[in-house]
Amino acid sequence: MLENIELNQKLLIDDKKIFTIEIGKEIKRLRRRRGLTGQELADYLGVSQQQLSRYECGICAIKLDYLMVLLHYLEVSVDAFFKNVLVNVFEENNEIGFRYYNIFFLLMMT
């Protein structure tokens, strides 16, 4: 039983890390698509350029309130953002993508 708990904890850590990385990659892609520098977006969010870089590199997870403000500023819907994130997760790790597919199911149908 202890082995199952340890395995589940490792899976959770792996899952969180891949989502943090893929969310960061999507933020960076959207920022570049808008022609913004990291400093410009960081200034808008009220964070340092280094902190924005940590988000984009997947070193730190972005807080939900910052993500909502960022998506509004970049004029990207939440569903489009997370649809792209899930596609990227699948490309990186099918197993994790399938584990979370059920919460993204309706997004994938649009």
PDB file of N, CA and C in Angstrom:
ATOM      1  N   MET A   1       0.821  -1.190   0.000  1.00  0.00           N
ATOM      2  CA  MET A   1       0.000   0.000   0.000  1.00  0.00           C
ATOM      3  C   MET A   1       0.870   1.260   0.000  1.00  0.00           C
ATOM      4  N   LEU A   2       1.939   1.254   0.780  1.00  0.00           N
ATOM      5  CA  LEU A   2       2.856   2.387   0.816  1.00  0.00           C
ATOM      6  C   LEU A   2       3.491   2.608  -0.547  1.00  0.00           C
ATOM      7  N   GLU A   3       3.770   1.510  -1.249  1.00  0.00           N
ATOM      8  CA  GLU A   3       4.344   1.622  -2.597  1.00  0.00           C
ATOM      9  C   GLU A   3       3.367   2.317  -3.543  1.00  0.00           C
ATOM     10  N   ASN A   4       2.071   2.006  -3.430  1.00  0.00           N
ATOM     11  CA  ASN A   4       1.057   2.661  -4.269  1.00  0.00           C
ATOM     12  C   ASN A   4       0.984   4.159  -3.993  1.00  0.00           C
ATOM     13  N   ILE A   5       1.066   4.526  -2.727  1.00  0.00           N
ATOM     14  CA  ILE A   5       1.036   5.946  -2.366  1.00  0.00           C
ATOM     15  C   ILE A   5       2.251   6.650  -2.942  1.00  0.00           C
ATOM     16  N   GLU A   6       3.422   6.040  -2.812  1.00  0.00           N
ATOM     17  CA  GLU A   6       4.644   6.639  -3.349  1.00  0.00           C
ATOM     18  C   GLU A   6       4.569   6.755  -4.864  1.00  0.00           C
ATOM     19  N   LEU A   7       4.028   5.741  -5.531  1.00  0.00           N
ATOM     20  CA  LEU A   7       3.882   5.777  -6.985  1.00  0.00           C
ATOM     21  C   LEU A   7       2.917   6.885  -7.396  1.00  0.00           C
ATOM     22  N   ASN A   8       1.785   6.986  -6.691  1.00  0.00           N
ATOM     23  CA  ASN A   8       0.813   8.044  -6.992  1.00  0.00           C
ATOM     24  C   ASN A   8       1.403   9.431  -6.770  1.00  0.00           C
ATOM     25  N   GLN A   9       2.216   9.589  -5.725  1.00  0.00           N
ATOM     26  CA  GLN A   9       2.854  10.880  -5.476  1.00  0.00           C
ATOM     27  C   GLN A   9       3.834  11.220  -6.590  1.00  0.00           C
ATOM     28  N   LYS A  10       4.576  10.233  -7.074  1.00  0.00           N
ATOM     29  CA  LYS A  10       5.513  10.465  -8.170  1.00  0.00           C
ATOM     30  C   LYS A  10       4.759  10.834  -9.440  1.00  0.00           C
ATOM     31  N   LEU A  11       3.653  10.135  -9.730  1.00  0.00           N
ATOM     32  CA  LEU A  11       2.841  10.469 -10.903  1.00  0.00           C
ATOM     33  C   LEU A  11       2.299  11.888 -10.806  1.00  0.00           C
ATOM     34  N   LEU A  12       1.839  12.265  -9.634  1.00  0.00           N
ATOM     35  CA  LEU A  12       1.300  13.607  -9.438  1.00  0.00           C
ATOM     36  C   LEU A  12       2.372  14.662  -9.678  1.00  0.00           C
ATOM     37  N   ILE A  13       3.565  14.431  -9.172  1.00  0.00           N
ATOM     38  CA  ILE A  13       4.672  15.367  -9.387  1.00  0.00           C
ATOM     39  C   ILE A  13       4.996  15.461 -10.870  1.00  0.00           C
ATOM     40  N   ASP A  14       5.069  14.328 -11.556  1.00  0.00           N
ATOM     41  CA  ASP A  14       5.339  14.322 -12.997  1.00  0.00           C
ATOM     42  C   ASP A  14       4.241  15.058 -13.762  1.00  0.00           C
ATOM     43  N   ASP A  15       2.995  14.810 -13.400  1.00  0.00           N
ATOM     44  CA  ASP A  15       1.860  15.449 -14.067  1.00  0.00           C
ATOM     45  C   ASP A  15       1.907  16.960 -13.877  1.00  0.00           C
ATOM     46  N   LYS A  16       2.123  17.389 -12.639  1.00  0.00           N
ATOM     47  CA  LYS A  16       2.176  18.820 -12.366  1.00  0.00           C
ATOM     48  C   LYS A  16       3.307  19.477 -13.143  1.00  0.00           C
ATOM     49  N   LYS A  17       4.439  18.821 -13.201  1.00  0.00           N
ATOM     50  CA  LYS A  17       5.598  19.397 -13.890  1.00  0.00           C
ATOM     51  C   LYS A  17       5.327  19.554 -15.382  1.00  0.00           C
ATOM     52  N   ILE A  18       4.773  18.523 -16.015  1.00  0.00           N
ATOM     53  CA  ILE A  18       4.534  18.633 -17.459  1.00  0.00           C
ATOM     54  C   ILE A  18       3.487  19.707 -17.753  1.00  0.00           C
ATOM     55  N   PHE A  19       2.453  19.839 -16.926  1.00  0.00           N
ATOM     56  CA  PHE A  19       1.469  20.900 -17.156  1.00  0.00           C
ATOM     57  C   PHE A  19       2.091  22.277 -16.937  1.00  0.00           C
ATOM     58  N   THR A  20       2.922  22.419 -15.925  1.00  0.00           N
ATOM     59  CA  THR A  20       3.603  23.696 -15.689  1.00  0.00           C
ATOM     60  C   THR A  20       4.472  24.071 -16.879  1.00  0.00           C
ATOM     61  N   ILE A  21       5.198  23.101 -17.413  1.00  0.00           N
ATOM     62  CA  ILE A  21       6.066  23.347 -18.569  1.00  0.00           C
ATOM     63  C   ILE A  21       5.244  23.708 -19.796  1.00  0.00           C
ATOM     64  N   GLU A  22       4.204  22.948 -20.078  1.00  0.00           N
ATOM     65  CA  GLU A  22       3.410  23.192 -21.291  1.00  0.00           C
ATOM     66  C   GLU A  22       2.597  24.484 -21.206  1.00  0.00           C
ATOM     67  N   ILE A  23       2.127  24.835 -20.026  1.00  0.00           N
ATOM     68  CA  ILE A  23       1.452  26.124 -19.853  1.00  0.00           C
ATOM     69  C   ILE A  23       2.444  27.254 -20.114  1.00  0.00           C
ATOM     70  N   GLY A  24       3.649  27.112 -19.594  1.00  0.00           N
ATOM     71  CA  GLY A  24       4.680  28.119 -19.833  1.00  0.00           C
ATOM     72  C   GLY A  24       5.032  28.264 -21.296  1.00  0.00           C
ATOM     73  N   LYS A  25       5.158  27.138 -21.983  1.00  0.00           N
ATOM     74  CA  LYS A  25       5.460  27.188 -23.423  1.00  0.00           C
ATOM     75  C   LYS A  25       4.358  27.900 -24.195  1.00  0.00           C
ATOM     76  N   GLU A  26       3.119  27.652 -23.806  1.00  0.00           N
ATOM     77  CA  GLU A  26       1.994  28.287 -24.498  1.00  0.00           C
ATOM     78  C   GLU A  26       1.968  29.791 -24.220  1.00  0.00           C
ATOM     79  N   ILE A  27       2.270  30.192 -23.008  1.00  0.00           N
ATOM     80  CA  ILE A  27       2.360  31.618 -22.694  1.00  0.00           C
ATOM     81  C   ILE A  27       3.423  32.277 -23.571  1.00  0.00           C
ATOM     82  N   LYS A  28       4.569  31.648 -23.663  1.00  0.00           N
ATOM     83  CA  LYS A  28       5.665  32.202 -24.478  1.00  0.00           C
ATOM     84  C   LYS A  28       5.269  32.288 -25.949  1.00  0.00           C
ATOM     85  N   ARG A  29       4.622  31.249 -26.448  1.00  0.00           N
ATOM     86  CA  ARG A  29       4.198  31.235 -27.851  1.00  0.00           C
ATOM     87  C   ARG A  29       3.217  32.379 -28.129  1.00  0.00           C
ATOM     88  N   LEU A  30       2.260  32.554 -27.226  1.00  0.00           N
ATOM     89  CA  LEU A  30       1.265  33.613 -27.400  1.00  0.00           C
ATOM     90  C   LEU A  30       1.899  35.000 -27.297  1.00  0.00           C
ATOM     91  N   ARG A  31       2.815  35.152 -26.355  1.00  0.00           N
ATOM     92  CA  ARG A  31       3.497  36.441 -26.202  1.00  0.00           C
ATOM     93  C   ARG A  31       4.252  36.798 -27.475  1.00  0.00           C
ATOM     94  N   ARG A  32       4.990  35.845 -27.991  1.00  0.00           N
ATOM     95  CA  ARG A  32       5.756  36.093 -29.214  1.00  0.00           C
ATOM     96  C   ARG A  32       4.842  36.368 -30.403  1.00  0.00           C
ATOM     97  N   ARG A  33       3.736  35.642 -30.474  1.00  0.00           N
ATOM     98  CA  ARG A  33       2.784  35.853 -31.564  1.00  0.00           C
ATOM     99  C   ARG A  33       2.242  37.282 -31.557  1.00  0.00           C
ATOM    100  N   ARG A  34       2.091  37.838 -30.377  1.00  0.00           N
ATOM    101  CA  ARG A  34       1.623  39.226 -30.250  1.00  0.00           C
ATOM    102  C   ARG A  34       2.744  40.240 -30.446  1.00  0.00           C
ATOM    103  N   GLY A  35       3.982  39.764 -30.583  1.00  0.00           N
ATOM    104  CA  GLY A  35       5.115  40.665 -30.787  1.00  0.00           C
ATOM    105  C   GLY A  35       5.546  41.403 -29.537  1.00  0.00           C
ATOM    106  N   LEU A  36       5.273  40.816 -28.384  1.00  0.00           N
ATOM    107  CA  LEU A  36       5.639  41.438 -27.116  1.00  0.00           C
ATOM    108  C   LEU A  36       6.960  40.896 -26.603  1.00  0.00           C
ATOM    109  N   THR A  37       7.716  41.747 -25.948  1.00  0.00           N
ATOM    110  CA  THR A  37       8.915  41.274 -25.259  1.00  0.00           C
ATOM    111  C   THR A  37       8.496  40.714 -23.904  1.00  0.00           C
ATOM    112  N   GLY A  38       9.386  39.947 -23.309  1.00  0.00           N
ATOM    113  CA  GLY A  38       9.119  39.447 -21.969  1.00  0.00           C
ATOM    114  C   GLY A  38       8.944  40.588 -20.983  1.00  0.00           C
ATOM    115  N   GLN A  39       9.733  41.636 -21.148  1.00  0.00           N
ATOM    116  CA  GLN A  39       9.638  42.788 -20.248  1.00  0.00           C
ATOM    117  C   GLN A  39       8.288  43.484 -20.374  1.00  0.00           C
ATOM    118  N   GLU A  40       7.788  43.622 -21.590  1.00  0.00           N
ATOM    119  CA  GLU A  40       6.490  44.281 -21.797  1.00  0.00           C
ATOM    120  C   GLU A  40       5.360  43.507 -21.123  1.00  0.00           C
ATOM    121  N   LEU A  41       5.356  42.196 -21.297  1.00  0.00           N
ATOM    122  CA  LEU A  41       4.297  41.395 -20.675  1.00  0.00           C
ATOM    123  C   LEU A  41       4.461  41.367 -19.160  1.00  0.00           C
ATOM    124  N   ALA A  42       5.695  41.271 -18.697  1.00  0.00           N
ATOM    125  CA  ALA A  42       5.953  41.285 -17.256  1.00  0.00           C
ATOM    126  C   ALA A  42       5.471  42.593 -16.633  1.00  0.00           C
ATOM    127  N   ASP A  43       5.758  43.705 -17.297  1.00  0.00           N
ATOM    128  CA  ASP A  43       5.307  45.008 -16.790  1.00  0.00           C
ATOM    129  C   ASP A  43       3.785  45.051 -16.692  1.00  0.00           C
ATOM    130  N   TYR A  44       3.108  44.532 -17.698  1.00  0.00           N
ATOM    131  CA  TYR A  44       1.650  44.521 -17.680  1.00  0.00           C
ATOM    132  C   TYR A  44       1.125  43.703 -16.498  1.00  0.00           C
ATOM    133  N   LEU A  45       1.768  42.559 -16.246  1.00  0.00           N
ATOM    134  CA  LEU A  45       1.326  41.681 -15.158  1.00  0.00           C
ATOM    135  C   LEU A  45       1.764  42.177 -13.784  1.00  0.00           C
ATOM    136  N   GLY A  46       2.734  43.089 -13.761  1.00  0.00           N
ATOM    137  CA  GLY A  46       3.250  43.570 -12.484  1.00  0.00           C
ATOM    138  C   GLY A  46       4.211  42.601 -11.832  1.00  0.00           C
ATOM    139  N   VAL A  47       4.922  41.840 -12.657  1.00  0.00           N
ATOM    140  CA  VAL A  47       5.947  40.920 -12.161  1.00  0.00           C
ATOM    141  C   VAL A  47       7.266  41.280 -12.837  1.00  0.00           C
ATOM    142  N   SER A  48       8.347  40.739 -12.321  1.00  0.00           N
ATOM    143  CA  SER A  48       9.643  40.989 -12.948  1.00  0.00           C
ATOM    144  C   SER A  48       9.763  40.174 -14.234  1.00  0.00           C
ATOM    145  N   GLN A  49      10.645  40.608 -15.098  1.00  0.00           N
ATOM    146  CA  GLN A  49      10.904  39.862 -16.333  1.00  0.00           C
ATOM    147  C   GLN A  49      11.434  38.476 -15.995  1.00  0.00           C
ATOM    148  N   GLN A  50      12.224  38.384 -14.919  1.00  0.00           N
ATOM    149  CA  GLN A  50      12.751  37.085 -14.490  1.00  0.00           C
ATOM    150  C   GLN A  50      11.625  36.146 -14.067  1.00  0.00           C
ATOM    151  N   GLN A  51      10.622  36.695 -13.377  1.00  0.00           N
ATOM    152  CA  GLN A  51       9.498  35.852 -12.963  1.00  0.00           C
ATOM    153  C   GLN A  51       8.711  35.371 -14.168  1.00  0.00           C
ATOM    154  N   LEU A  52       8.474  36.248 -15.132  1.00  0.00           N
ATOM    155  CA  LEU A  52       7.780  35.826 -16.345  1.00  0.00           C
ATOM    156  C   LEU A  52       8.573  34.732 -17.046  1.00  0.00           C
ATOM    157  N   SER A  53       9.871  34.879 -17.089  1.00  0.00           N
ATOM    158  CA  SER A  53      10.725  33.860 -17.704  1.00  0.00           C
ATOM    159  C   SER A  53      10.592  32.523 -16.976  1.00  0.00           C
ATOM    160  N   ARG A  54      10.483  32.561 -15.658  1.00  0.00           N
ATOM    161  CA  ARG A  54      10.293  31.326 -14.880  1.00  0.00           C
ATOM    162  C   ARG A  54       8.974  30.648 -15.248  1.00  0.00           C
ATOM    163  N   TYR A  55       7.932  31.459 -15.459  1.00  0.00           N
ATOM    164  CA  TYR A  55       6.659  30.894 -15.902  1.00  0.00           C
ATOM    165  C   TYR A  55       6.823  30.250 -17.273  1.00  0.00           C
ATOM    166  N   GLU A  56       7.419  30.983 -18.200  1.00  0.00           N
ATOM    167  CA  GLU A  56       7.539  30.505 -19.577  1.00  0.00           C
ATOM    168  C   GLU A  56       8.428  29.270 -19.696  1.00  0.00           C
ATOM    169  N   CYS A  57       9.400  29.147 -18.822  1.00  0.00           N
ATOM    170  CA  CYS A  57      10.302  27.986 -18.856  1.00  0.00           C
ATOM    171  C   CYS A  57       9.765  26.806 -18.047  1.00  0.00           C
ATOM    172  N   GLY A  58       8.658  27.000 -17.348  1.00  0.00           N
ATOM    173  CA  GLY A  58       8.085  25.921 -16.556  1.00  0.00           C
ATOM    174  C   GLY A  58       8.794  25.697 -15.239  1.00  0.00           C
ATOM    175  N   ILE A  59       9.579  26.672 -14.812  1.00  0.00           N
ATOM    176  CA  ILE A  59      10.278  26.558 -13.531  1.00  0.00           C
ATOM    177  C   ILE A  59       9.305  26.813 -12.386  1.00  0.00           C
ATOM    178  N   CYS A  60       8.409  27.765 -12.594  1.00  0.00           N
ATOM    179  CA  CYS A  60       7.379  28.112 -11.608  1.00  0.00           C
ATOM    180  C   CYS A  60       6.010  28.035 -12.269  1.00  0.00           C
ATOM    181  N   ALA A  61       5.030  27.620 -11.509  1.00  0.00           N
ATOM    182  CA  ALA A  61       3.654  27.596 -12.017  1.00  0.00           C
ATOM    183  C   ALA A  61       3.044  28.980 -11.859  1.00  0.00           C
ATOM    184  N   ILE A  62       2.382  29.449 -12.907  1.00  0.00           N
ATOM    185  CA  ILE A  62       1.716  30.747 -12.848  1.00  0.00           C
ATOM    186  C   ILE A  62       0.423  30.613 -12.049  1.00  0.00           C
ATOM    187  N   LYS A  63       0.152  31.589 -11.214  1.00  0.00           N
ATOM    188  CA  LYS A  63      -1.083  31.575 -10.436  1.00  0.00           C
ATOM    189  C   LYS A  63      -2.263  31.861 -11.353  1.00  0.00           C
ATOM    190  N   LEU A  64      -3.402  31.323 -11.005  1.00  0.00           N
ATOM    191  CA  LEU A  64      -4.596  31.431 -11.841  1.00  0.00           C
ATOM    192  C   LEU A  64      -4.992  32.882 -12.106  1.00  0.00           C
ATOM    193  N   ASP A  65      -4.899  33.736 -11.103  1.00  0.00           N
ATOM    194  CA  ASP A  65      -5.296  35.131 -11.319  1.00  0.00           C
ATOM    195  C   ASP A  65      -4.402  35.813 -12.347  1.00  0.00           C
ATOM    196  N   TYR A  66      -3.113  35.546 -12.304  1.00  0.00           N
ATOM    197  CA  TYR A  66      -2.203  36.096 -13.307  1.00  0.00           C
ATOM    198  C   TYR A  66      -2.508  35.523 -14.691  1.00  0.00           C
ATOM    199  N   LEU A  67      -2.804  34.248 -14.744  1.00  0.00           N
ATOM    200  CA  LEU A  67      -3.104  33.620 -16.031  1.00  0.00           C
ATOM    201  C   LEU A  67      -4.357  34.233 -16.656  1.00  0.00           C
ATOM    202  N   MET A  68      -5.385  34.471 -15.863  1.00  0.00           N
ATOM    203  CA  MET A  68      -6.613  35.061 -16.397  1.00  0.00           C
ATOM    204  C   MET A  68      -6.355  36.466 -16.944  1.00  0.00           C
ATOM    205  N   VAL A  69      -5.599  37.268 -16.205  1.00  0.00           N
ATOM    206  CA  VAL A  69      -5.267  38.625 -16.658  1.00  0.00           C
ATOM    207  C   VAL A  69      -4.435  38.560 -17.936  1.00  0.00           C
ATOM    208  N   LEU A  70      -3.477  37.650 -17.969  1.00  0.00           N
ATOM    209  CA  LEU A  70      -2.619  37.476 -19.143  1.00  0.00           C
ATOM    210  C   LEU A  70      -3.433  37.083 -20.368  1.00  0.00           C
ATOM    211  N   LEU A  71      -4.330  36.127 -20.215  1.00  0.00           N
ATOM    212  CA  LEU A  71      -5.143  35.687 -21.350  1.00  0.00           C
ATOM    213  C   LEU A  71      -6.050  36.809 -21.846  1.00  0.00           C
ATOM    214  N   HIS A  72      -6.596  37.572 -20.921  1.00  0.00           N
ATOM    215  CA  HIS A  72      -7.425  38.713 -21.319  1.00  0.00           C
ATOM    216  C   HIS A  72      -6.592  39.711 -22.123  1.00  0.00           C
ATOM    217  N   TYR A  73      -5.409  40.027 -21.636  1.00  0.00           N
ATOM    218  CA  TYR A  73      -4.521  40.980 -22.309  1.00  0.00           C
ATOM    219  C   TYR A  73      -4.126  40.490 -23.699  1.00  0.00           C
ATOM    220  N   LEU A  74      -3.856  39.198 -23.817  1.00  0.00           N
ATOM    221  CA  LEU A  74      -3.449  38.630 -25.107  1.00  0.00           C
ATOM    222  C   LEU A  74      -4.646  38.298 -26.000  1.00  0.00           C
ATOM    223  N   GLU A  75      -5.852  38.521 -25.476  1.00  0.00           N
ATOM    224  CA  GLU A  75      -7.090  38.259 -26.214  1.00  0.00           C
ATOM    225  C   GLU A  75      -7.202  36.802 -26.660  1.00  0.00           C
ATOM    226  N   VAL A  76      -6.974  35.918 -25.689  1.00  0.00           N
ATOM    227  CA  VAL A  76      -7.050  34.474 -25.925  1.00  0.00           C
ATOM    228  C   VAL A  76      -8.066  33.902 -24.949  1.00  0.00           C
ATOM    229  N   SER A  77      -8.977  33.082 -25.445  1.00  0.00           N
ATOM    230  CA  SER A  77      -9.969  32.469 -24.557  1.00  0.00           C
ATOM    231  C   SER A  77      -9.321  31.367 -23.722  1.00  0.00           C
ATOM    232  N   VAL A  78      -9.911  31.150 -22.574  1.00  0.00           N
ATOM    233  CA  VAL A  78      -9.415  30.101 -21.680  1.00  0.00           C
ATOM    234  C   VAL A  78      -9.479  28.743 -22.371  1.00  0.00           C
ATOM    235  N   ASP A  79     -10.576  28.478 -23.087  1.00  0.00           N
ATOM    236  CA  ASP A  79     -10.707  27.174 -23.737  1.00  0.00           C
ATOM    237  C   ASP A  79      -9.668  26.988 -24.835  1.00  0.00           C
ATOM    238  N   ALA A  80      -9.409  28.014 -25.631  1.00  0.00           N
ATOM    239  CA  ALA A  80      -8.390  27.888 -26.683  1.00  0.00           C
ATOM    240  C   ALA A  80      -7.012  27.676 -26.070  1.00  0.00           C
ATOM    241  N   PHE A  81      -6.735  28.387 -24.986  1.00  0.00           N
ATOM    242  CA  PHE A  81      -5.439  28.246 -24.317  1.00  0.00           C
ATOM    243  C   PHE A  81      -5.230  26.813 -23.842  1.00  0.00           C
ATOM    244  N   PHE A  82      -6.211  26.287 -23.090  1.00  0.00           N
ATOM    245  CA  PHE A  82      -6.034  24.957 -22.522  1.00  0.00           C
ATOM    246  C   PHE A  82      -6.154  23.849 -23.563  1.00  0.00           C
ATOM    247  N   LYS A  83      -6.862  24.104 -24.624  1.00  0.00           N
ATOM    248  CA  LYS A  83      -6.893  23.131 -25.723  1.00  0.00           C
ATOM    249  C   LYS A  83      -5.481  22.969 -26.295  1.00  0.00           C
ATOM    250  N   ASN A  84      -4.800  24.075 -26.519  1.00  0.00           N
ATOM    251  CA  ASN A  84      -3.423  24.012 -27.011  1.00  0.00           C
ATOM    252  C   ASN A  84      -2.491  23.361 -26.002  1.00  0.00           C
ATOM    253  N   VAL A  85      -2.698  23.663 -24.733  1.00  0.00           N
ATOM    254  CA  VAL A  85      -1.871  23.039 -23.696  1.00  0.00           C
ATOM    255  C   VAL A  85      -2.041  21.524 -23.738  1.00  0.00           C
ATOM    256  N   LEU A  86      -3.281  21.044 -23.822  1.00  0.00           N
ATOM    257  CA  LEU A  86      -3.505  19.594 -23.843  1.00  0.00           C
ATOM    258  C   LEU A  86      -2.873  18.949 -25.072  1.00  0.00           C
ATOM    259  N   VAL A  87      -2.997  19.579 -26.223  1.00  0.00           N
ATOM    260  CA  VAL A  87      -2.361  19.042 -27.430  1.00  0.00           C
ATOM    261  C   VAL A  87      -0.856  18.919 -27.200  1.00  0.00           C
ATOM    262  N   ASN A  88      -0.261  19.933 -26.587  1.00  0.00           N
ATOM    263  CA  ASN A  88       1.173  19.894 -26.306  1.00  0.00           C
ATOM    264  C   ASN A  88       1.526  18.815 -25.288  1.00  0.00           C
ATOM    265  N   VAL A  89       0.663  18.620 -24.296  1.00  0.00           N
ATOM    266  CA  VAL A  89       0.898  17.557 -23.315  1.00  0.00           C
ATOM    267  C   VAL A  89       0.882  16.205 -24.013  1.00  0.00           C
ATOM    268  N   PHE A  90      -0.092  15.981 -24.890  1.00  0.00           N
ATOM    269  CA  PHE A  90      -0.149  14.722 -25.641  1.00  0.00           C
ATOM    270  C   PHE A  90       1.114  14.511 -26.461  1.00  0.00           C
ATOM    271  N   GLU A  91       1.602  15.565 -27.090  1.00  0.00           N
ATOM    272  CA  GLU A  91       2.823  15.437 -27.886  1.00  0.00           C
ATOM    273  C   GLU A  91       4.018  15.083 -27.015  1.00  0.00           C
ATOM    274  N   GLU A  92       4.027  15.593 -25.801  1.00  0.00           N
ATOM    275  CA  GLU A  92       5.143  15.359 -24.886  1.00  0.00           C
ATOM    276  C   GLU A  92       5.030  14.007 -24.186  1.00  0.00           C
ATOM    277  N   ASN A  93       3.807  13.651 -23.762  1.00  0.00           N
ATOM    278  CA  ASN A  93       3.623  12.431 -22.975  1.00  0.00           C
ATOM    279  C   ASN A  93       2.172  11.958 -23.112  1.00  0.00           C
ATOM    280  N   ASN A  94       1.952  10.989 -23.998  1.00  0.00           N
ATOM    281  CA  ASN A  94       0.600  10.462 -24.240  1.00  0.00           C
ATOM    282  C   ASN A  94      -0.086   9.976 -22.973  1.00  0.00           C
ATOM    283  N   GLU A  95       0.660   9.304 -22.123  1.00  0.00           N
ATOM    284  CA  GLU A  95       0.072   8.724 -20.919  1.00  0.00           C
ATOM    285  C   GLU A  95      -0.550   9.806 -20.032  1.00  0.00           C
ATOM    286  N   ILE A  96       0.177  10.890 -19.824  1.00  0.00           N
ATOM    287  CA  ILE A  96      -0.353  11.985 -19.008  1.00  0.00           C
ATOM    288  C   ILE A  96      -1.532  12.635 -19.718  1.00  0.00           C
ATOM    289  N   GLY A  97      -1.423  12.829 -21.017  1.00  0.00           N
ATOM    290  CA  GLY A  97      -2.526  13.402 -21.782  1.00  0.00           C
ATOM    291  C   GLY A  97      -3.804  12.603 -21.623  1.00  0.00           C
ATOM    292  N   PHE A  98      -3.698  11.286 -21.733  1.00  0.00           N
ATOM    293  CA  PHE A  98      -4.886  10.438 -21.592  1.00  0.00           C
ATOM    294  C   PHE A  98      -5.432  10.454 -20.169  1.00  0.00           C
ATOM    295  N   ARG A  99      -4.550  10.581 -19.177  1.00  0.00           N
ATOM    296  CA  ARG A  99      -5.003  10.618 -17.793  1.00  0.00           C
ATOM    297  C   ARG A  99      -5.898  11.832 -17.535  1.00  0.00           C
ATOM    298  N   TYR A 100      -5.641  12.919 -18.227  1.00  0.00           N
ATOM    299  CA  TYR A 100      -6.384  14.156 -17.985  1.00  0.00           C
ATOM    300  C   TYR A 100      -7.362  14.501 -19.095  1.00  0.00           C
ATOM    301  N   TYR A 101      -7.473  13.653 -20.068  1.00  0.00           N
ATOM    302  CA  TYR A 101      -8.334  13.933 -21.216  1.00  0.00           C
ATOM    303  C   TYR A 101      -9.777  14.195 -20.801  1.00  0.00           C
ATOM    304  N   ASN A 102     -10.260  13.484 -19.792  1.00  0.00           N
ATOM    305  CA  ASN A 102     -11.667  13.626 -19.401  1.00  0.00           C
ATOM    306  C   ASN A 102     -12.017  15.044 -18.963  1.00  0.00           C
ATOM    307  N   ILE A 103     -11.087  15.781 -18.375  1.00  0.00           N
ATOM    308  CA  ILE A 103     -11.420  17.147 -17.958  1.00  0.00           C
ATOM    309  C   ILE A 103     -11.323  18.134 -19.116  1.00  0.00           C
ATOM    310  N   PHE A 104     -10.708  17.701 -20.215  1.00  0.00           N
ATOM    311  CA  PHE A 104     -10.586  18.542 -21.399  1.00  0.00           C
ATOM    312  C   PHE A 104     -11.520  18.094 -22.521  1.00  0.00           C
ATOM    313  N   PHE A 105     -12.297  17.065 -22.287  1.00  0.00           N
ATOM    314  CA  PHE A 105     -13.075  16.425 -23.343  1.00  0.00           C
ATOM    315  C   PHE A 105     -13.903  17.414 -24.157  1.00  0.00           C
ATOM    316  N   LEU A 106     -14.667  18.258 -23.491  1.00  0.00           N
ATOM    317  CA  LEU A 106     -15.529  19.197 -24.218  1.00  0.00           C
ATOM    318  C   LEU A 106     -14.721  20.205 -25.023  1.00  0.00           C
ATOM    319  N   LEU A 107     -13.565  20.594 -24.519  1.00  0.00           N
ATOM    320  CA  LEU A 107     -12.705  21.508 -25.283  1.00  0.00           C
ATOM    321  C   LEU A 107     -12.260  20.871 -26.588  1.00  0.00           C
ATOM    322  N   MET A 108     -11.967  19.599 -26.538  1.00  0.00           N
ATOM    323  CA  MET A 108     -11.450  18.905 -27.713  1.00  0.00           C
ATOM    324  C   MET A 108     -12.540  18.687 -28.754  1.00  0.00           C
ATOM    325  N   MET A 109     -13.807  18.805 -28.356  1.00  0.00           N
ATOM    326  CA  MET A 109     -14.912  18.587 -29.283  1.00  0.00           C
ATOM    327  C   MET A 109     -15.227  19.841 -30.103  1.00  0.00           C
ATOM    328  N   THR A 110     -14.653  20.977 -29.727  1.00  0.00           N
ATOM    329  CA  THR A 110     -14.941  22.224 -30.448  1.00  0.00           C
ATOM    330  C   THR A 110     -13.881  22.522 -31.479  1.00  0.00           C
TER     331      THR A 110
END
